[in-house]
PDB file of N, CA and C in Angstrom:
ATOM      1  N   MET A   1     -10.483 -85.426 -51.982  1.00  0.00           N
ATOM      2  CA  MET A   1     -10.259 -86.491 -52.928  1.00  0.00           C
ATOM      3  C   MET A   1     -11.533 -87.310 -53.077  1.00  0.00           C
ATOM      4  N   LYS A   2     -11.840 -87.701 -54.291  1.00  0.00           N
ATOM      5  CA  LYS A   2     -12.994 -88.550 -54.562  1.00  0.00           C
ATOM      6  C   LYS A   2     -12.760 -89.948 -54.005  1.00  0.00           C
ATOM      7  N   ASN A   3     -13.855 -90.647 -53.741  1.00  0.00           N
ATOM      8  CA  ASN A   3     -13.732 -92.059 -53.403  1.00  0.00           C
ATOM      9  C   ASN A   3     -13.258 -92.789 -54.645  1.00  0.00           C
ATOM     10  N   VAL A   4     -12.252 -93.594 -54.483  1.00  0.00           N
ATOM     11  CA  VAL A   4     -11.679 -94.345 -55.584  1.00  0.00           C
ATOM     12  C   VAL A   4     -11.818 -95.820 -55.267  1.00  0.00           C
ATOM     13  N   SER A   5     -12.146 -96.600 -56.258  1.00  0.00           N
ATOM     14  CA  SER A   5     -12.285 -98.035 -56.071  1.00  0.00           C
ATOM     15  C   SER A   5     -11.295 -98.748 -56.974  1.00  0.00           C
ATOM     16  N   LEU A   6     -10.701 -99.807 -56.457  1.00  0.00           N
ATOM     17  CA  LEU A   6      -9.744-100.597 -57.218  1.00  0.00           C
ATOM     18  C   LEU A   6     -10.043-102.062 -56.962  1.00  0.00           C
ATOM     19  N   THR A   7     -10.138-102.832 -58.009  1.00  0.00           N
ATOM     20  CA  THR A   7     -10.307-104.270 -57.880  1.00  0.00           C
ATOM     21  C   THR A   7      -9.120-104.932 -58.550  1.00  0.00           C
ATOM     22  N   ILE A   8      -8.459-105.807 -57.816  1.00  0.00           N
ATOM     23  CA  ILE A   8      -7.312-106.536 -58.358  1.00  0.00           C
ATOM     24  C   ILE A   8      -7.666-108.013 -58.365  1.00  0.00           C
ATOM     25  N   VAL A   9      -7.500-108.636 -59.503  1.00  0.00           N
ATOM     26  CA  VAL A   9      -7.738-110.067 -59.628  1.00  0.00           C
ATOM     27  C   VAL A   9      -6.437-110.691 -60.101  1.00  0.00           C
ATOM     28  N   ARG A  10      -5.960-111.686 -59.361  1.00  0.00           N
ATOM     29  CA  ARG A  10      -4.728-112.383 -59.722  1.00  0.00           C
ATOM     30  C   ARG A  10      -4.958-113.886 -59.622  1.00  0.00           C
ATOM     31  N   ARG A  11      -4.340-114.627 -60.490  1.00  0.00           N
ATOM     32  CA  ARG A  11      -4.353-116.083 -60.408  1.00  0.00           C
ATOM     33  C   ARG A  11      -2.963-116.484 -59.919  1.00  0.00           C
ATOM     34  N   LEU A  12      -2.918-117.147 -58.788  1.00  0.00           N
ATOM     35  CA  LEU A  12      -1.662-117.559 -58.181  1.00  0.00           C
ATOM     36  C   LEU A  12      -1.581-119.077 -58.149  1.00  0.00           C
ATOM     37  N   GLY A  13      -0.380-119.598 -58.164  1.00  0.00           N
ATOM     38  CA  GLY A  13      -0.178-121.039 -58.149  1.00  0.00           C
ATOM     39  C   GLY A  13      -0.198-121.631 -56.749  1.00  0.00           C
ATOM     40  N   VAL A  14      -1.056-121.105 -55.888  1.00  0.00           N
ATOM     41  CA  VAL A  14      -1.222-121.637 -54.532  1.00  0.00           C
ATOM     42  C   VAL A  14      -2.709-121.713 -54.235  1.00  0.00           C
ATOM     43  N   PRO A  15      -3.091-122.517 -53.263  1.00  0.00           N
ATOM     44  CA  PRO A  15      -4.514-122.610 -52.929  1.00  0.00           C
ATOM     45  C   PRO A  15      -5.054-121.284 -52.378  1.00  0.00           C
ATOM     46  N   PRO A  16      -6.323-120.960 -52.641  1.00  0.00           N
ATOM     47  CA  PRO A  16      -6.913-119.730 -52.108  1.00  0.00           C
ATOM     48  C   PRO A  16      -6.737-119.609 -50.592  1.00  0.00           C
ATOM     49  N   ARG A  17      -6.783-120.726 -49.893  1.00  0.00           N
ATOM     50  CA  ARG A  17      -6.620-120.710 -48.437  1.00  0.00           C
ATOM     51  C   ARG A  17      -5.277-120.096 -48.028  1.00  0.00           C
ATOM     52  N   ALA A  18      -4.206-120.391 -48.782  1.00  0.00           N
ATOM     53  CA  ALA A  18      -2.881-119.848 -48.464  1.00  0.00           C
ATOM     54  C   ALA A  18      -2.843-118.339 -48.672  1.00  0.00           C
ATOM     55  N   VAL A  19      -3.489-117.847 -49.717  1.00  0.00           N
ATOM     56  CA  VAL A  19      -3.528-116.407 -49.975  1.00  0.00           C
ATOM     57  C   VAL A  19      -4.347-115.703 -48.896  1.00  0.00           C
ATOM     58  N   PHE A  20      -5.486-116.283 -48.546  1.00  0.00           N
ATOM     59  CA  PHE A  20      -6.318-115.714 -47.484  1.00  0.00           C
ATOM     60  C   PHE A  20      -5.507-115.613 -46.190  1.00  0.00           C
ATOM     61  N   HIS A  21      -4.785-116.662 -45.856  1.00  0.00           N
ATOM     62  CA  HIS A  21      -3.956-116.673 -44.650  1.00  0.00           C
ATOM     63  C   HIS A  21      -2.869-115.593 -44.722  1.00  0.00           C
ATOM     64  N   ALA A  22      -2.249-115.435 -45.881  1.00  0.00           N
ATOM     65  CA  ALA A  22      -1.187-114.430 -46.034  1.00  0.00           C
ATOM     66  C   ALA A  22      -1.694-113.014 -45.793  1.00  0.00           C
ATOM     67  N   TRP A  23      -2.953-112.765 -46.125  1.00  0.00           N
ATOM     68  CA  TRP A  23      -3.548-111.433 -45.939  1.00  0.00           C
ATOM     69  C   TRP A  23      -4.180-111.232 -44.569  1.00  0.00           C
ATOM     70  N   THR A  24      -4.415-112.295 -43.815  1.00  0.00           N
ATOM     71  CA  THR A  24      -5.168-112.150 -42.570  1.00  0.00           C
ATOM     72  C   THR A  24      -4.393-112.521 -41.310  1.00  0.00           C
ATOM     73  N   ASP A  25      -3.258-113.150 -41.436  1.00  0.00           N
ATOM     74  CA  ASP A  25      -2.461-113.523 -40.272  1.00  0.00           C
ATOM     75  C   ASP A  25      -1.361-112.491 -40.042  1.00  0.00           C
ATOM     76  N   PRO A  26      -1.400-111.756 -38.918  1.00  0.00           N
ATOM     77  CA  PRO A  26      -0.395-110.704 -38.675  1.00  0.00           C
ATOM     78  C   PRO A  26       1.048-111.192 -38.757  1.00  0.00           C
ATOM     79  N   ARG A  27       1.340-112.389 -38.280  1.00  0.00           N
ATOM     80  CA  ARG A  27       2.733-112.902 -38.333  1.00  0.00           C
ATOM     81  C   ARG A  27       3.177-113.129 -39.777  1.00  0.00           C
ATOM     82  N   THR A  28       2.250-113.505 -40.637  1.00  0.00           N
ATOM     83  CA  THR A  28       2.584-113.731 -42.045  1.00  0.00           C
ATOM     84  C   THR A  28       2.678-112.407 -42.796  1.00  0.00           C
ATOM     85  N   LEU A  29       1.777-111.480 -42.518  1.00  0.00           N
ATOM     86  CA  LEU A  29       1.810-110.159 -43.167  1.00  0.00           C
ATOM     87  C   LEU A  29       3.153-109.463 -42.976  1.00  0.00           C
ATOM     88  N   VAL A  30       3.696-109.551 -41.780  1.00  0.00           N
ATOM     89  CA  VAL A  30       4.973-108.897 -41.474  1.00  0.00           C
ATOM     90  C   VAL A  30       6.079-109.409 -42.394  1.00  0.00           C
ATOM     91  N   LYS A  31       5.977-110.652 -42.831  1.00  0.00           N
ATOM     92  CA  LYS A  31       7.026-111.268 -43.645  1.00  0.00           C
ATOM     93  C   LYS A  31       7.016-110.819 -45.101  1.00  0.00           C
ATOM     94  N   TRP A  32       5.856-110.383 -45.621  1.00  0.00           N
ATOM     95  CA  TRP A  32       5.819-110.132 -47.064  1.00  0.00           C
ATOM     96  C   TRP A  32       5.263-108.772 -47.473  1.00  0.00           C
ATOM     97  N   LEU A  33       4.541-108.074 -46.610  1.00  0.00           N
ATOM     98  CA  LEU A  33       3.818-106.879 -47.057  1.00  0.00           C
ATOM     99  C   LEU A  33       4.708-105.655 -47.226  1.00  0.00           C
ATOM    100  N   ALA A  34       5.874-105.633 -46.641  1.00  0.00           N
ATOM    101  CA  ALA A  34       6.751-104.459 -46.719  1.00  0.00           C
ATOM    102  C   ALA A  34       8.007-104.813 -47.522  1.00  0.00           C
ATOM    103  N   PRO A  35       7.939-104.702 -48.843  1.00  0.00           N
ATOM    104  CA  PRO A  35       9.069-105.095 -49.687  1.00  0.00           C
ATOM    105  C   PRO A  35      10.138-104.004 -49.811  1.00  0.00           C
ATOM    106  N   GLY A  36      11.240-104.346 -50.419  1.00  0.00           N
ATOM    107  CA  GLY A  36      12.265-103.371 -50.787  1.00  0.00           C
ATOM    108  C   GLY A  36      12.948-102.680 -49.621  1.00  0.00           C
ATOM    109  N   GLY A  37      13.144-103.362 -48.515  1.00  0.00           N
ATOM    110  CA  GLY A  37      13.816-102.755 -47.379  1.00  0.00           C
ATOM    111  C   GLY A  37      12.883-102.098 -46.383  1.00  0.00           C
ATOM    112  N   ASP A  38      11.607-101.964 -46.728  1.00  0.00           N
ATOM    113  CA  ASP A  38      10.632-101.461 -45.756  1.00  0.00           C
ATOM    114  C   ASP A  38      10.459-102.521 -44.667  1.00  0.00           C
ATOM    115  N   ARG A  39       9.893-102.097 -43.527  1.00  0.00           N
ATOM    116  CA  ARG A  39       9.709-103.034 -42.428  1.00  0.00           C
ATOM    117  C   ARG A  39       8.421-102.711 -41.688  1.00  0.00           C
ATOM    118  N   LEU A  40       7.559-103.712 -41.539  1.00  0.00           N
ATOM    119  CA  LEU A  40       6.364-103.531 -40.713  1.00  0.00           C
ATOM    120  C   LEU A  40       6.769-103.685 -39.253  1.00  0.00           C
ATOM    121  N   THR A  41       6.316-102.768 -38.420  1.00  0.00           N
ATOM    122  CA  THR A  41       6.651-102.812 -37.002  1.00  0.00           C
ATOM    123  C   THR A  41       5.469-103.231 -36.150  1.00  0.00           C
ATOM    124  N   SER A  42       4.257-103.108 -36.675  1.00  0.00           N
ATOM    125  CA  SER A  42       3.068-103.470 -35.918  1.00  0.00           C
ATOM    126  C   SER A  42       1.943-103.816 -36.882  1.00  0.00           C
ATOM    127  N   VAL A  43       1.252-104.901 -36.599  1.00  0.00           N
ATOM    128  CA  VAL A  43       0.101-105.308 -37.408  1.00  0.00           C
ATOM    129  C   VAL A  43      -1.019-105.707 -36.460  1.00  0.00           C
ATOM    130  N   THR A  44      -2.168-105.081 -36.622  1.00  0.00           N
ATOM    131  CA  THR A  44      -3.365-105.510 -35.906  1.00  0.00           C
ATOM    132  C   THR A  44      -4.451-105.729 -36.947  1.00  0.00           C
ATOM    133  N   ALA A  45      -5.227-106.789 -36.766  1.00  0.00           N
ATOM    134  CA  ALA A  45      -6.254-107.110 -37.745  1.00  0.00           C
ATOM    135  C   ALA A  45      -7.407-107.829 -37.061  1.00  0.00           C
ATOM    136  N   ASP A  46      -8.586-107.229 -37.149  1.00  0.00           N
ATOM    137  CA  ASP A  46      -9.822-107.829 -36.661  1.00  0.00           C
ATOM    138  C   ASP A  46     -10.564-108.320 -37.903  1.00  0.00           C
ATOM    139  N   VAL A  47     -10.215-109.526 -38.345  1.00  0.00           N
ATOM    140  CA  VAL A  47     -10.654-110.032 -39.643  1.00  0.00           C
ATOM    141  C   VAL A  47     -12.093-110.550 -39.569  1.00  0.00           C
ATOM    142  N   ARG A  48     -13.009-109.611 -39.736  1.00  0.00           N
ATOM    143  CA  ARG A  48     -14.442-109.897 -39.818  1.00  0.00           C
ATOM    144  C   ARG A  48     -15.066-108.710 -40.518  1.00  0.00           C
ATOM    145  N   GLU A  49     -16.213-108.892 -41.128  1.00  0.00           N
ATOM    146  CA  GLU A  49     -16.876-107.779 -41.799  1.00  0.00           C
ATOM    147  C   GLU A  49     -17.133-106.679 -40.779  1.00  0.00           C
ATOM    148  N   GLY A  50     -16.667-105.467 -41.094  1.00  0.00           N
ATOM    149  CA  GLY A  50     -16.769-104.335 -40.182  1.00  0.00           C
ATOM    150  C   GLY A  50     -15.573-104.194 -39.260  1.00  0.00           C
ATOM    151  N   GLY A  51     -14.721-105.227 -39.203  1.00  0.00           N
ATOM    152  CA  GLY A  51     -13.510-105.162 -38.380  1.00  0.00           C
ATOM    153  C   GLY A  51     -12.483-104.227 -39.003  1.00  0.00           C
ATOM    154  N   ARG A  52     -11.570-103.748 -38.187  1.00  0.00           N
ATOM    155  CA  ARG A  52     -10.547-102.815 -38.668  1.00  0.00           C
ATOM    156  C   ARG A  52      -9.173-103.458 -38.643  1.00  0.00           C
ATOM    157  N   TYR A  53      -8.282-102.912 -39.465  1.00  0.00           N
ATOM    158  CA  TYR A  53      -6.885-103.330 -39.435  1.00  0.00           C
ATOM    159  C   TYR A  53      -5.997-102.096 -39.427  1.00  0.00           C
ATOM    160  N   ARG A  54      -4.767-102.269 -38.970  1.00  0.00           N
ATOM    161  CA  ARG A  54      -3.778-101.192 -38.987  1.00  0.00           C
ATOM    162  C   ARG A  54      -2.400-101.821 -39.106  1.00  0.00           C
ATOM    163  N   PHE A  55      -1.645-101.356 -40.099  1.00  0.00           N
ATOM    164  CA  PHE A  55      -0.265-101.779 -40.296  1.00  0.00           C
ATOM    165  C   PHE A  55       0.609-100.551 -40.095  1.00  0.00           C
ATOM    166  N   GLU A  56       1.611-100.639 -39.252  1.00  0.00           N
ATOM    167  CA  GLU A  56       2.557 -99.549 -39.068  1.00  0.00           C
ATOM    168  C   GLU A  56       3.927-100.044 -39.499  1.00  0.00           C
ATOM    169  N   GLY A  57       4.667 -99.166 -40.152  1.00  0.00           N
ATOM    170  CA  GLY A  57       5.962 -99.588 -40.656  1.00  0.00           C
ATOM    171  C   GLY A  57       6.920 -98.439 -40.832  1.00  0.00           C
ATOM    172  N   THR A  58       8.090 -98.801 -41.325  1.00  0.00           N
ATOM    173  CA  THR A  58       9.148 -97.841 -41.604  1.00  0.00           C
ATOM    174  C   THR A  58       9.667 -98.112 -43.003  1.00  0.00           C
ATOM    175  N   HIS A  59       9.737 -97.062 -43.825  1.00  0.00           N
ATOM    176  CA  HIS A  59      10.333 -97.193 -45.149  1.00  0.00           C
ATOM    177  C   HIS A  59      11.835 -97.403 -45.007  1.00  0.00           C
ATOM    178  N   ALA A  60      12.459 -97.932 -46.041  1.00  0.00           N
ATOM    179  CA  ALA A  60      13.889 -98.234 -46.015  1.00  0.00           C
ATOM    180  C   ALA A  60      14.724 -97.032 -45.598  1.00  0.00           C
ATOM    181  N   GLU A  61      14.307 -95.817 -45.977  1.00  0.00           N
ATOM    182  CA  GLU A  61      15.085 -94.622 -45.628  1.00  0.00           C
ATOM    183  C   GLU A  61      14.766 -94.104 -44.222  1.00  0.00           C
ATOM    184  N   GLY A  62      13.841 -94.786 -43.511  1.00  0.00           N
ATOM    185  CA  GLY A  62      13.594 -94.451 -42.120  1.00  0.00           C
ATOM    186  C   GLY A  62      12.305 -93.706 -41.808  1.00  0.00           C
ATOM    187  N   THR A  63      11.549 -93.289 -42.813  1.00  0.00           N
ATOM    188  CA  THR A  63      10.310 -92.559 -42.535  1.00  0.00           C
ATOM    189  C   THR A  63       9.190 -93.531 -42.154  1.00  0.00           C
ATOM    190  N   ALA A  64       8.390 -93.118 -41.178  1.00  0.00           N
ATOM    191  CA  ALA A  64       7.305 -93.960 -40.680  1.00  0.00           C
ATOM    192  C   ALA A  64       6.058 -93.805 -41.549  1.00  0.00           C
ATOM    193  N   TYR A  65       5.251 -94.838 -41.570  1.00  0.00           N
ATOM    194  CA  TYR A  65       3.981 -94.788 -42.274  1.00  0.00           C
ATOM    195  C   TYR A  65       2.993 -95.709 -41.583  1.00  0.00           C
ATOM    196  N   SER A  66       1.726 -95.538 -41.912  1.00  0.00           N
ATOM    197  CA  SER A  66       0.703 -96.465 -41.445  1.00  0.00           C
ATOM    198  C   SER A  66      -0.317 -96.665 -42.552  1.00  0.00           C
ATOM    199  N   ILE A  67      -0.910 -97.833 -42.536  1.00  0.00           N
ATOM    200  CA  ILE A  67      -1.970 -98.198 -43.466  1.00  0.00           C
ATOM    201  C   ILE A  67      -3.099 -98.740 -42.606  1.00  0.00           C
ATOM    202  N   CYS A  68      -4.308 -98.252 -42.844  1.00  0.00           N
ATOM    203  CA  CYS A  68      -5.422 -98.747 -42.040  1.00  0.00           C
ATOM    204  C   CYS A  68      -6.670 -98.827 -42.906  1.00  0.00           C
ATOM    205  N   GLY A  69      -7.646 -99.543 -42.390  1.00  0.00           N
ATOM    206  CA  GLY A  69      -8.890 -99.661 -43.121  1.00  0.00           C
ATOM    207  C   GLY A  69      -9.870-100.562 -42.410  1.00  0.00           C
ATOM    208  N   THR A  70     -10.952-100.841 -43.113  1.00  0.00           N
ATOM    209  CA  THR A  70     -12.037-101.666 -42.588  1.00  0.00           C
ATOM    210  C   THR A  70     -12.284-102.821 -43.546  1.00  0.00           C
ATOM    211  N   TYR A  71     -12.484-103.995 -42.985  1.00  0.00           N
ATOM    212  CA  TYR A  71     -12.856-105.148 -43.800  1.00  0.00           C
ATOM    213  C   TYR A  71     -14.320-105.002 -44.198  1.00  0.00           C
ATOM    214  N   ARG A  72     -14.568-104.976 -45.497  1.00  0.00           N
ATOM    215  CA  ARG A  72     -15.925-104.792 -46.010  1.00  0.00           C
ATOM    216  C   ARG A  72     -16.658-106.110 -46.205  1.00  0.00           C
ATOM    217  N   LYS A  73     -15.962-107.098 -46.757  1.00  0.00           N
ATOM    218  CA  LYS A  73     -16.575-108.405 -46.970  1.00  0.00           C
ATOM    219  C   LYS A  73     -15.513-109.478 -46.773  1.00  0.00           C
ATOM    220  N   ILE A  74     -15.872-110.510 -46.047  1.00  0.00           N
ATOM    221  CA  ILE A  74     -14.971-111.627 -45.785  1.00  0.00           C
ATOM    222  C   ILE A  74     -15.707-112.920 -46.109  1.00  0.00           C
ATOM    223  N   VAL A  75     -15.101-113.736 -46.939  1.00  0.00           N
ATOM    224  CA  VAL A  75     -15.558-115.099 -47.173  1.00  0.00           C
ATOM    225  C   VAL A  75     -14.326-115.959 -46.917  1.00  0.00           C
ATOM    226  N   ALA A  76     -14.310-116.639 -45.789  1.00  0.00           N
ATOM    227  CA  ALA A  76     -13.120-117.375 -45.354  1.00  0.00           C
ATOM    228  C   ALA A  76     -12.522-118.212 -46.486  1.00  0.00           C
ATOM    229  N   ASP A  77     -11.225-118.074 -46.636  1.00  0.00           N
ATOM    230  CA  ASP A  77     -10.436-118.817 -47.629  1.00  0.00           C
ATOM    231  C   ASP A  77     -10.792-118.510 -49.084  1.00  0.00           C
ATOM    232  N   ARG A  78     -11.610-117.465 -49.325  1.00  0.00           N
ATOM    233  CA  ARG A  78     -12.047-117.170 -50.696  1.00  0.00           C
ATOM    234  C   ARG A  78     -11.943-115.702 -51.084  1.00  0.00           C
ATOM    235  N   LEU A  79     -12.347-114.795 -50.192  1.00  0.00           N
ATOM    236  CA  LEU A  79     -12.471-113.397 -50.589  1.00  0.00           C
ATOM    237  C   LEU A  79     -12.216-112.461 -49.410  1.00  0.00           C
ATOM    238  N   ILE A  80     -11.503-111.383 -49.689  1.00  0.00           N
ATOM    239  CA  ILE A  80     -11.305-110.303 -48.723  1.00  0.00           C
ATOM    240  C   ILE A  80     -11.521-108.996 -49.468  1.00  0.00           C
ATOM    241  N   SER A  81     -12.436-108.187 -48.983  1.00  0.00           N
ATOM    242  CA  SER A  81     -12.670-106.852 -49.529  1.00  0.00           C
ATOM    243  C   SER A  81     -12.452-105.866 -48.391  1.00  0.00           C
ATOM    244  N   PHE A  82     -11.617-104.841 -48.637  1.00  0.00           N
ATOM    245  CA  PHE A  82     -11.287-103.913 -47.558  1.00  0.00           C
ATOM    246  C   PHE A  82     -10.969-102.536 -48.099  1.00  0.00           C
ATOM    247  N   SER A  83     -11.142-101.530 -47.247  1.00  0.00           N
ATOM    248  CA  SER A  83     -10.717-100.170 -47.602  1.00  0.00           C
ATOM    249  C   SER A  83      -9.220-100.060 -47.308  1.00  0.00           C
ATOM    250  N   TRP A  84      -8.582 -99.006 -47.841  1.00  0.00           N
ATOM    251  CA  TRP A  84      -7.136 -98.840 -47.707  1.00  0.00           C
ATOM    252  C   TRP A  84      -6.838 -97.353 -47.566  1.00  0.00           C
ATOM    253  N   SER A  85      -6.228 -96.970 -46.478  1.00  0.00           N
ATOM    254  CA  SER A  85      -5.840 -95.578 -46.249  1.00  0.00           C
ATOM    255  C   SER A  85      -4.370 -95.542 -45.857  1.00  0.00           C
ATOM    256  N   TYR A  86      -3.577 -94.838 -46.633  1.00  0.00           N
ATOM    257  CA  TYR A  86      -2.134 -94.735 -46.396  1.00  0.00           C
ATOM    258  C   TYR A  86      -1.821 -93.382 -45.776  1.00  0.00           C
ATOM    259  N   ASP A  87      -1.055 -93.395 -44.709  1.00  0.00           N
ATOM    260  CA  ASP A  87      -0.615 -92.173 -44.053  1.00  0.00           C
ATOM    261  C   ASP A  87       0.901 -92.199 -43.950  1.00  0.00           C
ATOM    262  N   GLY A  88       1.545 -91.441 -44.801  1.00  0.00           N
ATOM    263  CA  GLY A  88       3.001 -91.420 -44.820  1.00  0.00           C
ATOM    264  C   GLY A  88       3.471 -90.595 -45.998  1.00  0.00           C
ATOM    265  N   PRO A  89       4.786 -90.590 -46.229  1.00  0.00           N
ATOM    266  CA  PRO A  89       5.305 -89.813 -47.354  1.00  0.00           C
ATOM    267  C   PRO A  89       4.840 -90.392 -48.691  1.00  0.00           C
ATOM    268  N   ALA A  90       4.639 -89.538 -49.649  1.00  0.00           N
ATOM    269  CA  ALA A  90       4.158 -89.963 -50.970  1.00  0.00           C
ATOM    270  C   ALA A  90       5.206 -90.730 -51.723  1.00  0.00           C
TER     271      ALA A  90
END
């Protein structure tokens, strides 16, 4: 597979600091990142440039998956750039 790049820009009605926290705090990630009956079972995040993260979870029907990657650029309370690798059912 080719390297694919995706940039998502959203304007939210909350301060950038709250969004940064939602993406970088493992206790907060568990609450929102697995929608529709999915469930995160483990979150580790070394939130620094070059640091790695790993999210492990279970889909609503019971199949396990993991998402992992590396933080490419971090600007506290402003920007998070990271790779994304999904390992699980399509």
